N, C-alpha and C. Protein backbone atom coordinates (compact mmCIF):
# COMPACT_ATOMS: atom_id res chain seq x y z
N UNK A 1 0.93 -1.08 -0.14
CA UNK A 1 -0.09 -0.03 0.09
C UNK A 1 0.97 1.22 -0.04
N UNK A 2 0.66 2.18 -0.72
CA UNK A 2 1.62 3.40 -1.18
C UNK A 2 0.85 4.31 0.04
N UNK A 3 1.94 5.47 0.10
CA UNK A 3 1.77 6.42 0.93
C UNK A 3 0.32 7.13 0.78
N UNK A 4 0.37 7.75 -0.43
CA UNK A 4 -0.54 8.22 -1.35
C UNK A 4 -1.89 7.57 -0.85
N UNK A 5 -2.21 6.41 -1.17
CA UNK A 5 -3.37 5.63 -0.78
C UNK A 5 -3.74 5.80 0.73
N UNK A 6 -2.73 5.57 1.82
CA UNK A 6 -2.88 5.70 3.43
C UNK A 6 -3.58 6.99 3.56
N UNK A 7 -2.72 8.12 2.90
CA UNK A 7 -3.25 9.56 3.03
C UNK A 7 -4.55 9.80 2.78
N UNK A 8 -4.93 9.19 1.66
CA UNK A 8 -6.31 9.48 0.95
C UNK A 8 -7.39 8.53 1.79
N UNK A 9 -7.17 7.60 1.97
CA UNK A 9 -7.86 6.73 2.96
C UNK A 9 -8.36 7.39 4.19
N UNK A 10 -6.92 7.88 4.85
CA UNK A 10 -7.51 8.75 6.18
C UNK A 10 -8.35 9.92 5.85
N UNK A 11 -8.00 10.67 4.83
CA UNK A 11 -8.74 11.71 4.63
C UNK A 11 -10.19 11.25 4.42
N UNK A 12 -10.44 10.29 3.64
CA UNK A 12 -11.62 10.01 3.46
C UNK A 12 -12.48 9.70 4.76
N UNK A 13 -11.66 8.98 5.50
CA UNK A 13 -12.33 8.46 7.02
C UNK A 13 -12.72 9.61 7.88
N UNK A 14 -11.75 10.65 7.60
CA UNK A 14 -11.77 12.03 8.43
C UNK A 14 -13.07 12.84 8.12
N UNK A 15 -13.47 12.79 6.57
CA UNK A 15 -14.44 13.29 6.36
C UNK A 15 -15.87 12.70 6.29
N UNK A 16 -15.65 11.47 6.14
CA UNK A 16 -16.89 10.39 6.71
C UNK A 16 -17.17 10.77 8.51
N UNK A 17 -16.28 10.86 9.19
CA UNK A 17 -16.55 10.78 10.78
C UNK A 17 -17.05 12.30 10.87
N UNK A 18 -16.59 13.49 10.11
CA UNK A 18 -17.04 14.85 10.49
C UNK A 18 -18.53 14.92 9.75
N UNK A 19 -18.67 14.46 8.76
CA UNK A 19 -20.21 14.42 8.20
C UNK A 19 -21.23 13.79 8.72
N UNK A 20 -20.60 12.73 9.59
CA UNK A 20 -21.63 11.75 10.30
C UNK A 20 -21.81 12.85 11.37
N UNK A 21 -20.87 13.49 12.27
CA UNK A 21 -21.21 14.18 13.35
C UNK A 21 -21.93 15.55 13.18
N UNK A 22 -21.68 16.19 11.85
CA UNK A 22 -22.54 17.39 11.59
C UNK A 22 -23.93 16.61 11.08
N UNK A 23 -24.12 15.47 10.68
CA UNK A 23 -25.66 14.99 10.43
C UNK A 23 -26.33 14.93 11.84
N UNK A 24 -25.59 14.28 12.89
CA UNK A 24 -26.22 13.90 14.08
C UNK A 24 -26.22 15.25 14.68
N UNK A 25 -25.41 16.11 14.93
CA UNK A 25 -25.67 17.68 15.30
C UNK A 25 -26.86 18.39 14.63
N UNK A 26 -27.08 18.23 13.43
CA UNK A 26 -28.27 18.96 12.82
C UNK A 26 -29.66 18.28 13.06
N UNK A 27 -29.40 17.07 13.40
CA UNK A 27 -30.94 16.29 13.78
C UNK A 27 -31.13 16.57 15.12
N UNK A 28 -30.30 16.56 16.24
CA UNK A 28 -30.23 16.72 17.64
C UNK A 28 -30.79 18.29 17.87
N UNK A 29 -29.73 19.06 17.40
CA UNK A 29 -30.20 20.48 17.38
C UNK A 29 -29.33 20.65 18.79
N UNK A 30 -29.54 22.23 19.31
CA UNK A 30 -28.91 22.88 20.42
C UNK A 30 -29.85 22.23 21.70
N UNK A 31 -28.79 21.88 22.49
CA UNK A 31 -29.25 20.89 23.79
C UNK A 31 -29.98 22.23 25.07
N UNK A 32 -28.91 23.19 25.04
CA UNK A 32 -29.28 23.89 26.17
C UNK A 32 -29.32 25.45 25.88
N UNK A 33 -30.27 25.30 24.60
CA UNK A 33 -30.36 26.95 24.35
C UNK A 33 -31.61 27.24 25.08
N UNK A 34 -31.51 28.56 25.75
CA UNK A 34 -32.76 28.98 26.43
C UNK A 34 -34.21 29.51 25.35
N UNK A 35 -35.04 29.42 25.77
CA UNK A 35 -35.86 30.06 24.73
C UNK A 35 -35.98 31.48 24.90
N UNK A 36 -36.13 32.27 23.93
CA UNK A 36 -36.04 33.72 23.77
C UNK A 36 -37.45 34.35 24.10
N UNK A 37 -37.67 35.37 24.51
CA UNK A 37 -38.70 35.91 25.10
C UNK A 37 -39.12 36.71 23.70
N UNK A 38 -40.46 36.71 23.67
CA UNK A 38 -40.97 37.59 22.67
C UNK A 38 -40.50 38.94 22.36
N UNK A 39 -40.28 39.61 21.41
CA UNK A 39 -39.84 40.85 21.25
C UNK A 39 -41.02 42.18 21.52
N UNK A 40 -40.59 42.77 22.66
CA UNK A 40 -41.69 44.02 22.99
C UNK A 40 -41.62 44.90 21.86
N UNK A 41 -42.90 45.92 22.00
CA UNK A 41 -42.79 46.68 21.15
C UNK A 41 -43.13 48.20 21.85
N UNK A 42 -42.45 48.21 23.11
CA UNK A 42 -42.55 49.30 24.08
C UNK A 42 -41.52 50.58 23.05
N UNK A 43 -42.31 51.77 23.24
CA UNK A 43 -41.26 52.79 22.60
C UNK A 43 -41.14 53.66 23.72
N UNK A 44 -39.77 53.87 24.25
CA UNK A 44 -39.30 54.60 25.24
C UNK A 44 -39.34 55.91 24.94
N UNK A 45 -39.71 56.55 23.92
CA UNK A 45 -39.77 58.02 23.73
C UNK A 45 -38.15 58.72 23.49
N UNK A 46 -37.34 57.80 22.83
CA UNK A 46 -36.22 58.36 22.28
C UNK A 46 -36.14 59.75 21.48
N UNK A 47 -35.49 60.34 21.24
CA UNK A 47 -35.67 61.73 20.30
C UNK A 47 -34.54 61.90 20.05
N UNK A 48 -33.98 61.87 18.62
CA UNK A 48 -32.71 62.12 18.09
C UNK A 48 -32.38 63.72 18.53
N UNK A 49 -30.92 63.77 18.87
CA UNK A 49 -30.80 65.17 19.23
C UNK A 49 -30.96 65.24 20.97
N UNK A 50 -31.51 64.80 21.59
CA UNK A 50 -31.22 64.42 22.84
C UNK A 50 -32.66 65.59 23.75
N UNK A 51 -33.54 65.87 22.78
CA UNK A 51 -34.67 66.85 23.26
C UNK A 51 -35.82 65.84 23.61
N UNK A 52 -36.32 66.14 24.79
CA UNK A 52 -37.42 65.10 25.19
C UNK A 52 -38.55 65.38 24.82
């Protein structure tokens, strides 16, 4: 077995492992993501120029 074949096989195995990890991660999703609160539509009266 030549060196080029060994390196190619290693690279292919590495790509396969990362592809499997990416697929599993995409299927599972984030595990500890806190739910985001809904956006508020309050207007605090900010005026450009600093004049209230």
